[in-house]
Each structure stands twice: as C-alpha cells, then as structure tokens.
C-alpha atoms as a PDB file:
ATOM      1  CA  MET A   1       8.325 128.223 -48.007  1.00  0.00           C
ATOM      2  CA  ARG A   2       5.709 125.039 -48.799  1.00  0.00           C
ATOM      3  CA  ILE A   3       6.873 121.317 -47.126  1.00  0.00           C
ATOM      4  CA  ALA A   4       5.257 118.257 -48.803  1.00  0.00           C
ATOM      5  CA  GLY A   5       5.919 114.619 -48.867  1.00  0.00           C
ATOM      6  CA  LEU A   6       4.989 111.849 -51.090  1.00  0.00           C
ATOM      7  CA  ALA A   7       3.323 108.753 -49.147  1.00  0.00           C
ATOM      8  CA  PHE A   8       2.984 105.102 -50.830  1.00  0.00           C
ATOM      9  CA  ARG A   9       1.275 102.547 -50.589  1.00  0.00           C
ATOM     10  CA  ASP A  10       0.927  99.675 -52.782  1.00  0.00           C
ATOM     11  CA  GLY A  11       1.444 101.469 -55.974  1.00  0.00           C
ATOM     12  CA  HIS A  12      -0.427 104.223 -54.882  1.00  0.00           C
ATOM     13  CA  VAL A  13       0.807 107.993 -53.542  1.00  0.00           C
ATOM     14  CA  LEU A  14      -1.271 109.956 -50.871  1.00  0.00           C
ATOM     15  CA  VAL A  15      -2.804 113.449 -52.280  1.00  0.00           C
ATOM     16  CA  HIS A  16      -4.490 116.193 -51.184  1.00  0.00           C
ATOM     17  CA  ARG A  17      -6.539 119.250 -51.912  1.00  0.00           C
ATOM     18  CA  ALA A  18      -9.103 122.240 -50.866  1.00  0.00           C
ATOM     19  CA  THR A  19     -12.432 121.283 -52.256  1.00  0.00           C
ATOM     20  CA  HIS A  20     -12.471 124.689 -53.623  1.00  0.00           C
ATOM     21  CA  GLU A  21     -10.165 124.073 -55.899  1.00  0.00           C
ATOM     22  CA  PRO A  22      -9.546 122.087 -58.614  1.00  0.00           C
ATOM     23  CA  PHE A  23      -5.794 120.593 -59.310  1.00  0.00           C
ATOM     24  CA  TRP A  24      -4.742 118.363 -56.507  1.00  0.00           C
ATOM     25  CA  THR A  25      -1.141 118.705 -54.476  1.00  0.00           C
ATOM     26  CA  PHE A  26       0.624 116.594 -52.130  1.00  0.00           C
ATOM     27  CA  PRO A  27       0.033 116.836 -48.630  1.00  0.00           C
ATOM     28  CA  GLY A  28       2.366 119.415 -46.595  1.00  0.00           C
ATOM     29  CA  GLY A  29       2.082 123.186 -45.458  1.00  0.00           C
ATOM     30  CA  ARG A  30       3.895 125.941 -44.840  1.00  0.00           C
ATOM     31  CA  ALA A  31       6.931 125.961 -42.419  1.00  0.00           C
ATOM     32  CA  GLU A  32       6.549 128.023 -39.548  1.00  0.00           C
ATOM     33  CA  ILE A  33       9.115 130.026 -37.976  1.00  0.00           C
ATOM     34  CA  GLY A  34      12.316 128.481 -36.261  1.00  0.00           C
ATOM     35  CA  GLU A  35      10.981 125.023 -37.515  1.00  0.00           C
ATOM     36  CA  THR A  36      12.459 122.571 -39.497  1.00  0.00           C
ATOM     37  CA  SER A  37      11.406 121.156 -42.809  1.00  0.00           C
ATOM     38  CA  GLU A  38      11.009 117.869 -41.621  1.00  0.00           C
ATOM     39  CA  GLU A  39       9.522 119.057 -38.152  1.00  0.00           C
ATOM     40  CA  THR A  40       7.302 120.890 -40.621  1.00  0.00           C
ATOM     41  CA  LEU A  41       5.629 117.893 -42.547  1.00  0.00           C
ATOM     42  CA  LYS A  42       5.528 115.795 -39.393  1.00  0.00           C
ATOM     43  CA  ARG A  43       3.364 118.833 -37.690  1.00  0.00           C
ATOM     44  CA  GLU A  44       0.976 119.190 -41.070  1.00  0.00           C
ATOM     45  CA  MET A  45       0.773 115.284 -40.967  1.00  0.00           C
ATOM     46  CA  ILE A  46      -0.742 115.411 -37.370  1.00  0.00           C
ATOM     47  CA  GLU A  47      -2.517 117.965 -37.557  1.00  0.00           C
ATOM     48  CA  GLU A  48      -4.632 116.982 -41.383  1.00  0.00           C
ATOM     49  CA  LEU A  49      -4.122 113.250 -40.809  1.00  0.00           C
ATOM     50  CA  GLY A  50      -4.247 112.871 -37.109  1.00  0.00           C
ATOM     51  CA  VAL A  51      -0.661 110.163 -37.882  1.00  0.00           C
ATOM     52  CA  GLU A  52       2.822 110.613 -36.874  1.00  0.00           C
ATOM     53  CA  ALA A  53       4.953 110.278 -40.400  1.00  0.00           C
ATOM     54  CA  THR A  54       8.031 108.949 -40.750  1.00  0.00           C
ATOM     55  CA  ILE A  55      10.514 111.502 -43.382  1.00  0.00           C
ATOM     56  CA  HIS A  56      12.804 109.496 -44.958  1.00  0.00           C
ATOM     57  CA  ARG A  57      15.141 111.517 -47.772  1.00  0.00           C
ATOM     58  CA  LEU A  58      14.747 114.997 -49.247  1.00  0.00           C
ATOM     59  CA  LEU A  59      13.460 114.128 -53.202  1.00  0.00           C
ATOM     60  CA  TRP A  60      13.315 117.488 -54.421  1.00  0.00           C
ATOM     61  CA  SER A  61      13.712 121.078 -53.529  1.00  0.00           C
ATOM     62  CA  VAL A  62      11.976 123.545 -56.432  1.00  0.00           C
ATOM     63  CA  GLU A  63      11.866 127.722 -56.862  1.00  0.00           C
ATOM     64  CA  ASN A  64       8.295 127.741 -58.178  1.00  0.00           C
ATOM     65  CA  PHE A  65       6.897 130.744 -59.865  1.00  0.00           C
ATOM     66  CA  PHE A  66       3.768 130.840 -61.205  1.00  0.00           C
ATOM     67  CA  HIS A  67       0.617 132.944 -61.476  1.00  0.00           C
ATOM     68  CA  TYR A  68      -2.853 132.058 -59.281  1.00  0.00           C
ATOM     69  CA  GLU A  69      -5.221 133.766 -58.216  1.00  0.00           C
ATOM     70  CA  GLY A  70      -4.847 137.213 -60.373  1.00  0.00           C
ATOM     71  CA  ARG A  71      -1.189 137.542 -58.001  1.00  0.00           C
ATOM     72  CA  ASP A  72       2.392 136.101 -58.926  1.00  0.00           C
ATOM     73  CA  TRP A  73       4.123 133.646 -56.207  1.00  0.00           C
ATOM     74  CA  HIS A  74       7.169 132.341 -55.794  1.00  0.00           C
ATOM     75  CA  GLU A  75       7.351 129.015 -53.552  1.00  0.00           C
ATOM     76  CA  LEU A  76      10.033 127.291 -52.723  1.00  0.00           C
ATOM     77  CA  GLY A  77       8.912 123.795 -52.010  1.00  0.00           C
ATOM     78  CA  LEU A  78      10.864 120.823 -50.444  1.00  0.00           C
ATOM     79  CA  TYR A  79       9.694 117.566 -51.431  1.00  0.00           C
ATOM     80  CA  TYR A  80      10.388 114.803 -49.321  1.00  0.00           C
ATOM     81  CA  LEU A  81       9.905 110.950 -49.521  1.00  0.00           C
ATOM     82  CA  MET A  82       7.695 109.602 -46.307  1.00  0.00           C
ATOM     83  CA  ASP A  83       6.034 106.949 -44.711  1.00  0.00           C
ATOM     84  CA  LEU A  84       2.852 106.938 -43.117  1.00  0.00           C
ATOM     85  CA  PRO A  85       1.373 104.416 -40.651  1.00  0.00           C
ATOM     86  CA  GLU A  86      -0.416 101.591 -41.972  1.00  0.00           C
ATOM     87  CA  THR A  87      -3.393 102.916 -39.741  1.00  0.00           C
ATOM     88  CA  LEU A  88      -4.542 105.784 -42.374  1.00  0.00           C
ATOM     89  CA  ALA A  89      -7.050 104.221 -44.119  1.00  0.00           C
ATOM     90  CA  PHE A  90      -6.384 103.136 -47.770  1.00  0.00           C
ATOM     91  CA  HIS A  91      -8.991 103.012 -50.562  1.00  0.00           C
ATOM     92  CA  GLU A  92      -8.297 103.133 -53.970  1.00  0.00           C
ATOM     93  CA  SER A  93      -9.097 106.771 -55.476  1.00  0.00           C
ATOM     94  CA  GLU A  94     -11.741 106.903 -52.998  1.00  0.00           C
ATOM     95  CA  ILE A  95     -11.795 109.690 -50.219  1.00  0.00           C
ATOM     96  CA  ILE A  96     -10.333 108.339 -47.522  1.00  0.00           C
ATOM     97  CA  HIS A  97     -10.136 111.736 -45.230  1.00  0.00           C
ATOM     98  CA  ARG A  98     -11.663 115.016 -45.071  1.00  0.00           C
ATOM     99  CA  ILE A  99     -10.762 118.421 -42.716  1.00  0.00           C
ATOM    100  CA  GLN A 100     -11.438 121.805 -42.113  1.00  0.00           C
ATOM    101  CA  ASP A 101      -7.738 123.358 -41.974  1.00  0.00           C
ATOM    102  CA  GLY A 102      -8.737 126.918 -41.395  1.00  0.00           C
ATOM    103  CA  ASP A 103     -11.165 128.204 -43.908  1.00  0.00           C
ATOM    104  CA  ASN A 104      -9.823 125.820 -46.685  1.00  0.00           C
ATOM    105  CA  ALA A 105     -11.803 122.268 -46.361  1.00  0.00           C
ATOM    106  CA  LEU A 106      -9.142 119.767 -47.051  1.00  0.00           C
ATOM    107  CA  GLU A 107     -10.023 116.463 -48.872  1.00  0.00           C
ATOM    108  CA  PHE A 108      -7.450 113.190 -48.916  1.00  0.00           C
ATOM    109  CA  LYS A 109      -7.354 110.170 -51.536  1.00  0.00           C
ATOM    110  CA  TRP A 110      -4.877 107.775 -52.765  1.00  0.00           C
ATOM    111  CA  VAL A 111      -4.162 107.377 -56.550  1.00  0.00           C
ATOM    112  CA  ARG A 112      -1.888 105.208 -58.398  1.00  0.00           C
ATOM    113  CA  ALA A 113       1.691 106.556 -58.707  1.00  0.00           C
ATOM    114  CA  THR A 114       1.870 106.759 -62.382  1.00  0.00           C
ATOM    115  CA  ARG A 115       2.220 109.493 -64.994  1.00  0.00           C
ATOM    116  CA  GLN A 116      -0.987 108.864 -66.583  1.00  0.00           C
ATOM    117  CA  ALA A 117      -2.976 109.100 -62.960  1.00  0.00           C
ATOM    118  CA  LEU A 118      -1.407 112.068 -62.194  1.00  0.00           C
ATOM    119  CA  THR A 119      -1.803 113.836 -64.869  1.00  0.00           C
ATOM    120  CA  ALA A 120      -5.287 113.376 -65.118  1.00  0.00           C
ATOM    121  CA  LEU A 121      -5.319 114.734 -61.548  1.00  0.00           C
ATOM    122  CA  ASP A 122      -3.912 118.500 -62.385  1.00  0.00           C
ATOM    123  CA  ILE A 123      -1.648 118.381 -59.825  1.00  0.00           C
ATOM    124  CA  PRO A 124       1.636 121.089 -59.864  1.00  0.00           C
ATOM    125  CA  PRO A 125       4.141 121.232 -59.932  1.00  0.00           C
ATOM    126  CA  TYR A 126       3.787 119.636 -63.083  1.00  0.00           C
ATOM    127  CA  PHE A 127       7.415 117.976 -63.124  1.00  0.00           C
ATOM    128  CA  ILE A 128       7.002 115.411 -60.447  1.00  0.00           C
ATOM    129  CA  VAL A 129       4.296 113.756 -62.717  1.00  0.00           C
ATOM    130  CA  ASP A 130       7.429 113.131 -64.944  1.00  0.00           C
ATOM    131  CA  GLU A 131       9.655 111.649 -62.483  1.00  0.00           C
ATOM    132  CA  ILE A 132       6.438 109.742 -60.098  1.00  0.00           C
ATOM    133  CA  GLU A 133       7.781 106.455 -61.455  1.00  0.00           C
ATOM    134  CA  ASN A 134      11.402 106.882 -61.323  1.00  0.00           C
ATOM    135  CA  LEU A 135      12.149 108.670 -57.991  1.00  0.00           C
ATOM    136  CA  PRO A 136      15.378 110.955 -57.750  1.00  0.00           C
ATOM    137  CA  GLU A 137      18.164 108.669 -55.793  1.00  0.00           C
ATOM    138  CA  SER A 138      19.813 112.079 -54.118  1.00  0.00           C
ATOM    139  CA  PRO A 139      17.902 115.340 -53.957  1.00  0.00           C
ATOM    140  CA  ARG A 140      17.157 117.290 -57.049  1.00  0.00           C
ATOM    141  CA  HIS A 141      17.111 121.285 -56.876  1.00  0.00           C
ATOM    142  CA  LEU A 142      14.857 123.034 -59.772  1.00  0.00           C
ATOM    143  CA  VAL A 143      13.184 126.505 -61.303  1.00  0.00           C
ATOM    144  CA  TRP A 144       9.656 125.380 -62.237  1.00  0.00           C
ATOM    145  CA  ASN A 145       8.810 128.852 -63.882  1.00  0.00           C
ATOM    146  CA  ASP A 146       4.900 128.581 -65.281  1.00  0.00           C
ATOM    147  CA  GLY A 147       6.165 124.778 -66.815  1.00  0.00           C
ATOM    148  CA  ASN A 148       9.768 125.248 -67.767  1.00  0.00           C
ATOM    149  CA  LEU A 149      11.785 123.588 -65.897  1.00  0.00           C
ATOM    150  CA  ASP A 150      15.611 123.734 -65.011  1.00  0.00           C
ATOM    151  CA  GLU A 151      17.232 121.400 -62.811  1.00  0.00           C
ATOM    152  CA  LYS A 152      20.444 123.803 -61.070  1.00  0.00           C
END
C-alpha cells in the first residue's frame, strides 16, 4: 500500500524521486502495520521533509498494475490533498531538499501544476497528469493497468 500527498504552492506541486530512477512521483511512502493512511502520510512527511503535514481530503484510491525492474506489481495507492508549512523551501524547478531514505537517495522539487509540466517529468501514475488542473471534488476509485484507466 502506498500513501501519497499532493501539496500545492503558488501554482506548483511538490514531487520527489529516488535519484537512481528516471521518473518522479508524489511524496509519500508505504503504510506500516497498525497505521492509518493519514498517519502514514504525516509520518512520511516528518521523516522525509522534517515538516508536519495537514492532511485534507482523499482524491483518489488507485489499484495500480505495472511492470517495474523485471517484476509485475499490484499497488494500492491512496492520494490525498495536503498542505505543508510555509517553512518548507520554495524555488521553482530547483531541488529544495535531499535525504537518504534507506538505500535510496531522495530529492524533492516544486514543479508547475500543469499537464504540460508533469508530462515532461514522467510522473506515474499517469492519470494524475490529466487531472492535475482539475482535482476531483470527491474521492474517485480507479484501476490503472499499464496505461489503461478504468473508473469504478
């Protein structure tokens, strides 16, 4: 289970990646046993960014089927709208934070919250690119299967 958050500031959204990977994602991580999804997202933001997030509404629950590093995956993803404190650095399209997370070196940056900017980044799951400029008002459950989208 992966829990992620979309944080916006001045028309930008925060993204991150493991430096050994070519694609970016929205910040978050794996839930731990006994932890709610909101608790997971709050914990991940403290661990990775050193800030306390305010978690708002659930945007999407996604069954994500994909092939990565020679394996087939089935990931359940929960994507929330969240706020991060103004103390978190903001520089357009520059790396604002780096951290070592286990075996992965992570880097974070703000990018324009537009379809064009996110398409250029290669940011799975790709359906978010199409919805970034018009977020759902209520949670949507989706199945994303290697590029095919099905809303349930």
